[in-house]
Amino acid sequence: TEPGAPLPSKRIEAMTRLHDAGVRAYALVAPVMSTLEGHEGELLDAIKETGVEIVYYNPLHFRNVDPSRMMRMRISGSERSESALVREGRLRGLDVRHVFKP
């Protein structure tokens, strides 16, 4: 979680309240990092329980940062998690899309 950002549980709670109030909300999973690997289903289950039906994702991009520095810090993107989000989302009846691709 980013410093100062709401905890994931608070974000899930907000999505539920929006859905219950009739607001058509979506979830954004970004950036998709290797730390998500193996937890995609758990995250999607929590999102599904809110009533939200659309999930956008965006991979981790290194901009103006030395990628080798990120690798030393064990920070990396995960194509495996991207694929799992799409696959597992479909199994749960969620519409999972890349945020910038049609």
PDB file of N, CA and C in Angstrom:
ATOM      1  N   THR A   1       0.851  -1.180   0.000  1.00  0.00           N
ATOM      2  CA  THR A   1       0.000   0.000   0.000  1.00  0.00           C
ATOM      3  C   THR A   1       0.894   1.238   0.000  1.00  0.00           C
ATOM      4  N   GLU A   2       0.510   2.212  -0.791  1.00  0.00           N
ATOM      5  CA  GLU A   2       1.274   3.459  -0.836  1.00  0.00           C
ATOM      6  C   GLU A   2       1.102   4.238   0.457  1.00  0.00           C
ATOM      7  N   PRO A   3       2.131   4.969   0.857  1.00  0.00           N
ATOM      8  CA  PRO A   3       2.009   5.793   2.064  1.00  0.00           C
ATOM      9  C   PRO A   3       0.834   6.765   1.940  1.00  0.00           C
ATOM     10  N   GLY A   4       0.011   6.810   2.965  1.00  0.00           N
ATOM     11  CA  GLY A   4      -1.128   7.720   2.975  1.00  0.00           C
ATOM     12  C   GLY A   4      -2.362   7.211   2.240  1.00  0.00           C
ATOM     13  N   ALA A   5      -2.236   6.095   1.524  1.00  0.00           N
ATOM     14  CA  ALA A   5      -3.385   5.542   0.793  1.00  0.00           C
ATOM     15  C   ALA A   5      -4.233   4.691   1.738  1.00  0.00           C
ATOM     16  N   PRO A   6      -5.534   4.613   1.479  1.00  0.00           N
ATOM     17  CA  PRO A   6      -6.390   3.773   2.323  1.00  0.00           C
ATOM     18  C   PRO A   6      -5.976   2.300   2.245  1.00  0.00           C
ATOM     19  N   LEU A   7      -6.179   1.600   3.323  1.00  0.00           N
ATOM     20  CA  LEU A   7      -5.902   0.165   3.334  1.00  0.00           C
ATOM     21  C   LEU A   7      -6.802  -0.546   2.331  1.00  0.00           C
ATOM     22  N   PRO A   8      -6.358  -1.694   1.804  1.00  0.00           N
ATOM     23  CA  PRO A   8      -7.200  -2.436   0.866  1.00  0.00           C
ATOM     24  C   PRO A   8      -8.595  -2.730   1.417  1.00  0.00           C
ATOM     25  N   SER A   9      -8.705  -3.034   2.706  1.00  0.00           N
ATOM     26  CA  SER A   9     -10.024  -3.317   3.287  1.00  0.00           C
ATOM     27  C   SER A   9     -10.941  -2.104   3.195  1.00  0.00           C
ATOM     28  N   LYS A  10     -10.386  -0.919   3.359  1.00  0.00           N
ATOM     29  CA  LYS A  10     -11.187   0.308   3.251  1.00  0.00           C
ATOM     30  C   LYS A  10     -11.604   0.551   1.799  1.00  0.00           C
ATOM     31  N   ARG A  11     -10.743   0.202   0.871  1.00  0.00           N
ATOM     32  CA  ARG A  11     -11.064   0.355  -0.549  1.00  0.00           C
ATOM     33  C   ARG A  11     -12.197  -0.598  -0.942  1.00  0.00           C
ATOM     34  N   ILE A  12     -12.114  -1.831  -0.444  1.00  0.00           N
ATOM     35  CA  ILE A  12     -13.167  -2.823  -0.705  1.00  0.00           C
ATOM     36  C   ILE A  12     -14.480  -2.335  -0.104  1.00  0.00           C
ATOM     37  N   GLU A  13     -14.425  -1.815   1.102  1.00  0.00           N
ATOM     38  CA  GLU A  13     -15.620  -1.285   1.761  1.00  0.00           C
ATOM     39  C   GLU A  13     -16.227  -0.140   0.938  1.00  0.00           C
ATOM     40  N   ALA A  14     -15.395   0.732   0.417  1.00  0.00           N
ATOM     41  CA  ALA A  14     -15.888   1.853  -0.392  1.00  0.00           C
ATOM     42  C   ALA A  14     -16.553   1.351  -1.674  1.00  0.00           C
ATOM     43  N   MET A  15     -15.966   0.343  -2.318  1.00  0.00           N
ATOM     44  CA  MET A  15     -16.578  -0.207  -3.534  1.00  0.00           C
ATOM     45  C   MET A  15     -17.946  -0.808  -3.219  1.00  0.00           C
ATOM     46  N   THR A  16     -18.057  -1.488  -2.091  1.00  0.00           N
ATOM     47  CA  THR A  16     -19.342  -2.067  -1.688  1.00  0.00           C
ATOM     48  C   THR A  16     -20.375  -0.970  -1.478  1.00  0.00           C
ATOM     49  N   ARG A  17     -19.991   0.085  -0.769  1.00  0.00           N
ATOM     50  CA  ARG A  17     -20.927   1.183  -0.510  1.00  0.00           C
ATOM     51  C   ARG A  17     -21.348   1.864  -1.814  1.00  0.00           C
ATOM     52  N   LEU A  18     -20.416   2.064  -2.721  1.00  0.00           N
ATOM     53  CA  LEU A  18     -20.763   2.668  -4.008  1.00  0.00           C
ATOM     54  C   LEU A  18     -21.743   1.785  -4.777  1.00  0.00           C
ATOM     55  N   HIS A  19     -21.438   0.487  -4.830  1.00  0.00           N
ATOM     56  CA  HIS A  19     -22.324  -0.438  -5.535  1.00  0.00           C
ATOM     57  C   HIS A  19     -23.712  -0.445  -4.904  1.00  0.00           C
ATOM     58  N   ASP A  20     -23.764  -0.508  -3.583  1.00  0.00           N
ATOM     59  CA  ASP A  20     -25.047  -0.538  -2.880  1.00  0.00           C
ATOM     60  C   ASP A  20     -25.850   0.743  -3.086  1.00  0.00           C
ATOM     61  N   ALA A  21     -25.150   1.852  -3.341  1.00  0.00           N
ATOM     62  CA  ALA A  21     -25.827   3.129  -3.583  1.00  0.00           C
ATOM     63  C   ALA A  21     -26.226   3.300  -5.049  1.00  0.00           C
ATOM     64  N   GLY A  22     -25.944   2.266  -5.867  1.00  0.00           N
ATOM     65  CA  GLY A  22     -26.333   2.327  -7.270  1.00  0.00           C
ATOM     66  C   GLY A  22     -25.304   2.959  -8.187  1.00  0.00           C
ATOM     67  N   VAL A  23     -24.112   3.202  -7.662  1.00  0.00           N
ATOM     68  CA  VAL A  23     -23.043   3.784  -8.475  1.00  0.00           C
ATOM     69  C   VAL A  23     -22.312   2.647  -9.182  1.00  0.00           C
ATOM     70  N   ARG A  24     -22.187   2.770 -10.490  1.00  0.00           N
ATOM     71  CA  ARG A  24     -21.478   1.739 -11.257  1.00  0.00           C
ATOM     72  C   ARG A  24     -19.977   1.989 -11.130  1.00  0.00           C
ATOM     73  N   ALA A  25     -19.343   1.272 -10.234  1.00  0.00           N
ATOM     74  CA  ALA A  25     -17.924   1.445  -9.947  1.00  0.00           C
ATOM     75  C   ALA A  25     -17.123   0.309 -10.587  1.00  0.00           C
ATOM     76  N   TYR A  26     -15.825   0.500 -10.617  1.00  0.00           N
ATOM     77  CA  TYR A  26     -14.918  -0.541 -11.100  1.00  0.00           C
ATOM     78  C   TYR A  26     -13.738  -0.607 -10.151  1.00  0.00           C
ATOM     79  N   ALA A  27     -12.978  -1.687 -10.263  1.00  0.00           N
ATOM     80  CA  ALA A  27     -11.759  -1.835  -9.471  1.00  0.00           C
ATOM     81  C   ALA A  27     -10.563  -1.639 -10.393  1.00  0.00           C
ATOM     82  N   LEU A  28      -9.511  -1.064  -9.856  1.00  0.00           N
ATOM     83  CA  LEU A  28      -8.260  -0.909 -10.587  1.00  0.00           C
ATOM     84  C   LEU A  28      -7.156  -1.584  -9.787  1.00  0.00           C
ATOM     85  N   VAL A  29      -6.522  -2.568 -10.401  1.00  0.00           N
ATOM     86  CA  VAL A  29      -5.398  -3.260  -9.788  1.00  0.00           C
ATOM     87  C   VAL A  29      -4.143  -2.742 -10.482  1.00  0.00           C
ATOM     88  N   ALA A  30      -3.384  -1.908  -9.781  1.00  0.00           N
ATOM     89  CA  ALA A  30      -2.211  -1.307 -10.397  1.00  0.00           C
ATOM     90  C   ALA A  30      -1.236  -0.845  -9.336  1.00  0.00           C
ATOM     91  N   PRO A  31       0.021  -1.012  -9.566  1.00  0.00           N
ATOM     92  CA  PRO A  31       0.591  -1.798 -10.648  1.00  0.00           C
ATOM     93  C   PRO A  31       0.556  -3.286 -10.300  1.00  0.00           C
ATOM     94  N   VAL A  32       0.481  -4.103 -11.333  1.00  0.00           N
ATOM     95  CA  VAL A  32       0.528  -5.554 -11.121  1.00  0.00           C
ATOM     96  C   VAL A  32       1.992  -5.923 -10.905  1.00  0.00           C
ATOM     97  N   MET A  33       2.286  -6.403  -9.702  1.00  0.00           N
ATOM     98  CA  MET A  33       3.658  -6.733  -9.317  1.00  0.00           C
ATOM     99  C   MET A  33       3.769  -8.199  -8.930  1.00  0.00           C
ATOM    100  N   SER A  34       4.995  -8.662  -8.832  1.00  0.00           N
ATOM    101  CA  SER A  34       5.242 -10.066  -8.503  1.00  0.00           C
ATOM    102  C   SER A  34       4.697 -10.440  -7.120  1.00  0.00           C
ATOM    103  N   THR A  35       4.523  -9.476  -6.237  1.00  0.00           N
ATOM    104  CA  THR A  35       3.990  -9.777  -4.900  1.00  0.00           C
ATOM    105  C   THR A  35       2.543 -10.245  -4.942  1.00  0.00           C
ATOM    106  N   LEU A  36       1.873 -10.040  -6.067  1.00  0.00           N
ATOM    107  CA  LEU A  36       0.479 -10.483  -6.217  1.00  0.00           C
ATOM    108  C   LEU A  36       0.390 -11.962  -6.577  1.00  0.00           C
ATOM    109  N   GLU A  37       1.478 -12.527  -7.099  1.00  0.00           N
ATOM    110  CA  GLU A  37       1.466 -13.913  -7.572  1.00  0.00           C
ATOM    111  C   GLU A  37       0.951 -14.865  -6.496  1.00  0.00           C
ATOM    112  N   GLY A  38      -0.033 -15.667  -6.879  1.00  0.00           N
ATOM    113  CA  GLY A  38      -0.620 -16.647  -5.969  1.00  0.00           C
ATOM    114  C   GLY A  38      -1.776 -16.101  -5.140  1.00  0.00           C
ATOM    115  N   HIS A  39      -2.018 -14.788  -5.230  1.00  0.00           N
ATOM    116  CA  HIS A  39      -3.086 -14.166  -4.445  1.00  0.00           C
ATOM    117  C   HIS A  39      -4.166 -13.541  -5.327  1.00  0.00           C
ATOM    118  N   GLU A  40      -4.085 -13.759  -6.621  1.00  0.00           N
ATOM    119  CA  GLU A  40      -5.036 -13.149  -7.553  1.00  0.00           C
ATOM    120  C   GLU A  40      -6.471 -13.554  -7.245  1.00  0.00           C
ATOM    121  N   GLY A  41      -6.685 -14.838  -6.995  1.00  0.00           N
ATOM    122  CA  GLY A  41      -8.036 -15.325  -6.713  1.00  0.00           C
ATOM    123  C   GLY A  41      -8.628 -14.704  -5.461  1.00  0.00           C
ATOM    124  N   GLU A  42      -7.814 -14.578  -4.436  1.00  0.00           N
ATOM    125  CA  GLU A  42      -8.268 -13.973  -3.175  1.00  0.00           C
ATOM    126  C   GLU A  42      -8.684 -12.518  -3.405  1.00  0.00           C
ATOM    127  N   LEU A  43      -7.871 -11.789  -4.154  1.00  0.00           N
ATOM    128  CA  LEU A  43      -8.198 -10.396  -4.458  1.00  0.00           C
ATOM    129  C   LEU A  43      -9.480 -10.308  -5.279  1.00  0.00           C
ATOM    130  N   LEU A  44      -9.594 -11.146  -6.298  1.00  0.00           N
ATOM    131  CA  LEU A  44     -10.786 -11.119  -7.157  1.00  0.00           C
ATOM    132  C   LEU A  44     -12.038 -11.534  -6.401  1.00  0.00           C
ATOM    133  N   ASP A  45     -11.919 -12.482  -5.472  1.00  0.00           N
ATOM    134  CA  ASP A  45     -13.072 -12.872  -4.646  1.00  0.00           C
ATOM    135  C   ASP A  45     -13.568 -11.682  -3.829  1.00  0.00           C
ATOM    136  N   ALA A  46     -12.630 -10.942  -3.244  1.00  0.00           N
ATOM    137  CA  ALA A  46     -13.010  -9.765  -2.451  1.00  0.00           C
ATOM    138  C   ALA A  46     -13.680  -8.720  -3.327  1.00  0.00           C
ATOM    139  N   ILE A  47     -13.150  -8.516  -4.523  1.00  0.00           N
ATOM    140  CA  ILE A  47     -13.753  -7.549  -5.448  1.00  0.00           C
ATOM    141  C   ILE A  47     -15.140  -8.017  -5.864  1.00  0.00           C
ATOM    142  N   LYS A  48     -15.277  -9.290  -6.200  1.00  0.00           N
ATOM    143  CA  LYS A  48     -16.565  -9.852  -6.619  1.00  0.00           C
ATOM    144  C   LYS A  48     -17.632  -9.644  -5.539  1.00  0.00           C
ATOM    145  N   GLU A  49     -17.258  -9.818  -4.282  1.00  0.00           N
ATOM    146  CA  GLU A  49     -18.206  -9.660  -3.177  1.00  0.00           C
ATOM    147  C   GLU A  49     -18.754  -8.240  -3.065  1.00  0.00           C
ATOM    148  N   THR A  50     -18.064  -7.258  -3.625  1.00  0.00           N
ATOM    149  CA  THR A  50     -18.536  -5.867  -3.556  1.00  0.00           C
ATOM    150  C   THR A  50     -19.684  -5.602  -4.516  1.00  0.00           C
ATOM    151  N   GLY A  51     -19.837  -6.471  -5.514  1.00  0.00           N
ATOM    152  CA  GLY A  51     -20.836  -6.243  -6.545  1.00  0.00           C
ATOM    153  C   GLY A  51     -20.249  -5.614  -7.797  1.00  0.00           C
ATOM    154  N   VAL A  52     -19.000  -5.172  -7.719  1.00  0.00           N
ATOM    155  CA  VAL A  52     -18.312  -4.606  -8.881  1.00  0.00           C
ATOM    156  C   VAL A  52     -18.117  -5.712  -9.915  1.00  0.00           C
ATOM    157  N   GLU A  53     -18.327  -5.382 -11.179  1.00  0.00           N
ATOM    158  CA  GLU A  53     -18.222  -6.390 -12.233  1.00  0.00           C
ATOM    159  C   GLU A  53     -17.057  -6.167 -13.180  1.00  0.00           C
ATOM    160  N   ILE A  54     -16.448  -4.981 -13.150  1.00  0.00           N
ATOM    161  CA  ILE A  54     -15.344  -4.666 -14.057  1.00  0.00           C
ATOM    162  C   ILE A  54     -14.080  -4.411 -13.246  1.00  0.00           C
ATOM    163  N   VAL A  55     -13.001  -5.055 -13.670  1.00  0.00           N
ATOM    164  CA  VAL A  55     -11.703  -4.890 -13.033  1.00  0.00           C
ATOM    165  C   VAL A  55     -10.701  -4.504 -14.117  1.00  0.00           C
ATOM    166  N   TYR A  56     -10.082  -3.360 -13.939  1.00  0.00           N
ATOM    167  CA  TYR A  56      -8.992  -2.954 -14.825  1.00  0.00           C
ATOM    168  C   TYR A  56      -7.679  -3.272 -14.131  1.00  0.00           C
ATOM    169  N   TYR A  57      -6.658  -3.596 -14.930  1.00  0.00           N
ATOM    170  CA  TYR A  57      -5.329  -3.805 -14.368  1.00  0.00           C
ATOM    171  C   TYR A  57      -4.301  -3.086 -15.228  1.00  0.00           C
ATOM    172  N   ASN A  58      -3.194  -2.756 -14.623  1.00  0.00           N
ATOM    173  CA  ASN A  58      -2.110  -2.102 -15.324  1.00  0.00           C
ATOM    174  C   ASN A  58      -0.799  -2.691 -14.813  1.00  0.00           C
ATOM    175  N   PRO A  59       0.059  -3.144 -15.724  1.00  0.00           N
ATOM    176  CA  PRO A  59       1.320  -3.724 -15.289  1.00  0.00           C
ATOM    177  C   PRO A  59       2.259  -2.670 -14.696  1.00  0.00           C
ATOM    178  N   LEU A  60       3.250  -3.141 -13.985  1.00  0.00           N
ATOM    179  CA  LEU A  60       4.280  -2.271 -13.442  1.00  0.00           C
ATOM    180  C   LEU A  60       5.154  -1.779 -14.582  1.00  0.00           C
ATOM    181  N   HIS A  61       5.368  -0.473 -14.641  1.00  0.00           N
ATOM    182  CA  HIS A  61       6.250   0.135 -15.637  1.00  0.00           C
ATOM    183  C   HIS A  61       7.324   0.923 -14.913  1.00  0.00           C
ATOM    184  N   PHE A  62       8.543   0.757 -15.351  1.00  0.00           N
ATOM    185  CA  PHE A  62       9.635   1.548 -14.797  1.00  0.00           C
ATOM    186  C   PHE A  62       9.825   2.775 -15.678  1.00  0.00           C
ATOM    187  N   ARG A  63       9.540   3.932 -15.139  1.00  0.00           N
ATOM    188  CA  ARG A  63       9.737   5.179 -15.871  1.00  0.00           C
ATOM    189  C   ARG A  63      10.730   6.030 -15.090  1.00  0.00           C
ATOM    190  N   ASN A  64      11.759   6.452 -15.784  1.00  0.00           N
ATOM    191  CA  ASN A  64      12.784   7.302 -15.169  1.00  0.00           C
ATOM    192  C   ASN A  64      13.411   6.658 -13.932  1.00  0.00           C
ATOM    193  N   VAL A  65      13.456   5.331 -13.945  1.00  0.00           N
ATOM    194  CA  VAL A  65      14.054   4.591 -12.844  1.00  0.00           C
ATOM    195  C   VAL A  65      14.947   3.519 -13.446  1.00  0.00           C
ATOM    196  N   ASP A  66      16.084   3.323 -12.864  1.00  0.00           N
ATOM    197  CA  ASP A  66      17.009   2.289 -13.313  1.00  0.00           C
ATOM    198  C   ASP A  66      16.414   0.915 -12.971  1.00  0.00           C
ATOM    199  N   PRO A  67      16.027   0.121 -13.992  1.00  0.00           N
ATOM    200  CA  PRO A  67      15.417  -1.192 -13.716  1.00  0.00           C
ATOM    201  C   PRO A  67      16.290  -2.094 -12.848  1.00  0.00           C
ATOM    202  N   SER A  68      17.606  -1.985 -12.984  1.00  0.00           N
ATOM    203  CA  SER A  68      18.476  -2.845 -12.174  1.00  0.00           C
ATOM    204  C   SER A  68      18.337  -2.499 -10.687  1.00  0.00           C
ATOM    205  N   ARG A  69      18.093  -1.238 -10.392  1.00  0.00           N
ATOM    206  CA  ARG A  69      17.871  -0.830  -8.992  1.00  0.00           C
ATOM    207  C   ARG A  69      16.597  -1.487  -8.447  1.00  0.00           C
ATOM    208  N   MET A  70      15.551  -1.493  -9.256  1.00  0.00           N
ATOM    209  CA  MET A  70      14.301  -2.122  -8.825  1.00  0.00           C
ATOM    210  C   MET A  70      14.484  -3.618  -8.623  1.00  0.00           C
ATOM    211  N   MET A  71      15.260  -4.239  -9.502  1.00  0.00           N
ATOM    212  CA  MET A  71      15.501  -5.674  -9.367  1.00  0.00           C
ATOM    213  C   MET A  71      16.290  -5.972  -8.085  1.00  0.00           C
ATOM    214  N   ARG A  72      17.256  -5.117  -7.751  1.00  0.00           N
ATOM    215  CA  ARG A  72      18.005  -5.309  -6.502  1.00  0.00           C
ATOM    216  C   ARG A  72      17.072  -5.190  -5.297  1.00  0.00           C
ATOM    217  N   MET A  73      16.035  -4.376  -5.430  1.00  0.00           N
ATOM    218  CA  MET A  73      15.066  -4.194  -4.349  1.00  0.00           C
ATOM    219  C   MET A  73      13.964  -5.254  -4.403  1.00  0.00           C
ATOM    220  N   ARG A  74      14.087  -6.159  -5.381  1.00  0.00           N
ATOM    221  CA  ARG A  74      13.114  -7.238  -5.596  1.00  0.00           C
ATOM    222  C   ARG A  74      11.733  -6.707  -5.969  1.00  0.00           C
ATOM    223  N   ILE A  75      11.715  -5.634  -6.713  1.00  0.00           N
ATOM    224  CA  ILE A  75      10.468  -5.058  -7.217  1.00  0.00           C
ATOM    225  C   ILE A  75      10.400  -5.378  -8.700  1.00  0.00           C
ATOM    226  N   SER A  76       9.378  -6.108  -9.100  1.00  0.00           N
ATOM    227  CA  SER A  76       9.247  -6.458 -10.512  1.00  0.00           C
ATOM    228  C   SER A  76       7.782  -6.632 -10.882  1.00  0.00           C
ATOM    229  N   GLY A  77       7.532  -6.497 -12.156  1.00  0.00           N
ATOM    230  CA  GLY A  77       6.197  -6.745 -12.679  1.00  0.00           C
ATOM    231  C   GLY A  77       5.957  -8.244 -12.772  1.00  0.00           C
ATOM    232  N   SER A  78       4.753  -8.612 -13.191  1.00  0.00           N
ATOM    233  CA  SER A  78       4.449 -10.035 -13.263  1.00  0.00           C
ATOM    234  C   SER A  78       3.440 -10.319 -14.368  1.00  0.00           C
ATOM    235  N   GLU A  79       3.944 -10.810 -15.487  1.00  0.00           N
ATOM    236  CA  GLU A  79       3.042 -11.231 -16.563  1.00  0.00           C
ATOM    237  C   GLU A  79       2.204 -12.419 -16.099  1.00  0.00           C
ATOM    238  N   ARG A  80       2.756 -13.231 -15.217  1.00  0.00           N
ATOM    239  CA  ARG A  80       2.023 -14.384 -14.680  1.00  0.00           C
ATOM    240  C   ARG A  80       0.775 -13.913 -13.925  1.00  0.00           C
ATOM    241  N   SER A  81       0.927 -12.864 -13.112  1.00  0.00           N
ATOM    242  CA  SER A  81      -0.225 -12.333 -12.377  1.00  0.00           C
ATOM    243  C   SER A  81      -1.223 -11.665 -13.312  1.00  0.00           C
ATOM    244  N   GLU A  82      -0.734 -11.000 -14.351  1.00  0.00           N
ATOM    245  CA  GLU A  82      -1.645 -10.397 -15.326  1.00  0.00           C
ATOM    246  C   GLU A  82      -2.520 -11.477 -15.954  1.00  0.00           C
ATOM    247  N   SER A  83      -1.895 -12.568 -16.393  1.00  0.00           N
ATOM    248  CA  SER A  83      -2.643 -13.674 -17.006  1.00  0.00           C
ATOM    249  C   SER A  83      -3.609 -14.296 -16.011  1.00  0.00           C
ATOM    250  N   ALA A  84      -3.156 -14.458 -14.774  1.00  0.00           N
ATOM    251  CA  ALA A  84      -4.011 -15.056 -13.741  1.00  0.00           C
ATOM    252  C   ALA A  84      -5.200 -14.161 -13.426  1.00  0.00           C
ATOM    253  N   LEU A  85      -5.003 -12.846 -13.406  1.00  0.00           N
ATOM    254  CA  LEU A  85      -6.125 -11.937 -13.167  1.00  0.00           C
ATOM    255  C   LEU A  85      -7.203 -12.120 -14.217  1.00  0.00           C
ATOM    256  N   VAL A  86      -6.789 -12.179 -15.475  1.00  0.00           N
ATOM    257  CA  VAL A  86      -7.753 -12.337 -16.565  1.00  0.00           C
ATOM    258  C   VAL A  86      -8.446 -13.697 -16.465  1.00  0.00           C
ATOM    259  N   ARG A  87      -7.657 -14.762 -16.327  1.00  0.00           N
ATOM    260  CA  ARG A  87      -8.203 -16.125 -16.270  1.00  0.00           C
ATOM    261  C   ARG A  87      -9.126 -16.308 -15.057  1.00  0.00           C
ATOM    262  N   GLU A  88      -8.635 -15.947 -13.879  1.00  0.00           N
ATOM    263  CA  GLU A  88      -9.410 -16.135 -12.660  1.00  0.00           C
ATOM    264  C   GLU A  88     -10.619 -15.201 -12.612  1.00  0.00           C
ATOM    265  N   GLY A  89     -10.469 -14.025 -13.156  1.00  0.00           N
ATOM    266  CA  GLY A  89     -11.596 -13.093 -13.209  1.00  0.00           C
ATOM    267  C   GLY A  89     -12.729 -13.640 -14.047  1.00  0.00           C
ATOM    268  N   ARG A  90     -12.393 -14.199 -15.194  1.00  0.00           N
ATOM    269  CA  ARG A  90     -13.429 -14.782 -16.066  1.00  0.00           C
ATOM    270  C   ARG A  90     -14.133 -15.938 -15.378  1.00  0.00           C
ATOM    271  N   LEU A  91     -13.371 -16.747 -14.643  1.00  0.00           N
ATOM    272  CA  LEU A  91     -13.984 -17.866 -13.919  1.00  0.00           C
ATOM    273  C   LEU A  91     -14.987 -17.371 -12.875  1.00  0.00           C
ATOM    274  N   ARG A  92     -14.777 -16.149 -12.396  1.00  0.00           N
ATOM    275  CA  ARG A  92     -15.657 -15.565 -11.377  1.00  0.00           C
ATOM    276  C   ARG A  92     -16.739 -14.667 -11.972  1.00  0.00           C
ATOM    277  N   GLY A  93     -16.802 -14.611 -13.299  1.00  0.00           N
ATOM    278  CA  GLY A  93     -17.819 -13.790 -13.958  1.00  0.00           C
ATOM    279  C   GLY A  93     -17.488 -12.310 -13.974  1.00  0.00           C
ATOM    280  N   LEU A  94     -16.210 -11.968 -13.759  1.00  0.00           N
ATOM    281  CA  LEU A  94     -15.782 -10.576 -13.792  1.00  0.00           C
ATOM    282  C   LEU A  94     -15.231 -10.230 -15.177  1.00  0.00           C
ATOM    283  N   ASP A  95     -15.412  -8.996 -15.562  1.00  0.00           N
ATOM    284  CA  ASP A  95     -14.863  -8.482 -16.811  1.00  0.00           C
ATOM    285  C   ASP A  95     -13.527  -7.835 -16.475  1.00  0.00           C
ATOM    286  N   VAL A  96     -12.435  -8.522 -16.771  1.00  0.00           N
ATOM    287  CA  VAL A  96     -11.088  -8.055 -16.426  1.00  0.00           C
ATOM    288  C   VAL A  96     -10.416  -7.550 -17.690  1.00  0.00           C
ATOM    289  N   ARG A  97      -9.958  -6.285 -17.647  1.00  0.00           N
ATOM    290  CA  ARG A  97      -9.382  -5.648 -18.837  1.00  0.00           C
ATOM    291  C   ARG A  97      -8.098  -4.907 -18.497  1.00  0.00           C
ATOM    292  N   HIS A  98      -7.206  -4.867 -19.479  1.00  0.00           N
ATOM    293  CA  HIS A  98      -6.020  -4.019 -19.363  1.00  0.00           C
ATOM    294  C   HIS A  98      -6.505  -2.571 -19.450  1.00  0.00           C
ATOM    295  N   VAL A  99      -5.993  -1.714 -18.612  1.00  0.00           N
ATOM    296  CA  VAL A  99      -6.495  -0.354 -18.517  1.00  0.00           C
ATOM    297  C   VAL A  99      -6.301   0.446 -19.802  1.00  0.00           C
ATOM    298  N   PHE A 100      -5.241   0.155 -20.582  1.00  0.00           N
ATOM    299  CA  PHE A 100      -4.959   0.936 -21.778  1.00  0.00           C
ATOM    300  C   PHE A 100      -5.146   0.191 -23.096  1.00  0.00           C
ATOM    301  N   LYS A 101      -5.497  -1.073 -23.047  1.00  0.00           N
ATOM    302  CA  LYS A 101      -5.677  -1.856 -24.271  1.00  0.00           C
ATOM    303  C   LYS A 101      -7.157  -2.184 -24.449  1.00  0.00           C
ATOM    304  N   PRO A 102      -7.612  -2.171 -25.698  1.00  0.00           N
ATOM    305  CA  PRO A 102      -9.046  -2.493 -25.933  1.00  0.00           C
ATOM    306  C   PRO A 102      -9.374  -3.944 -25.632  1.00  0.00           C
TER     307      PRO A 102
END
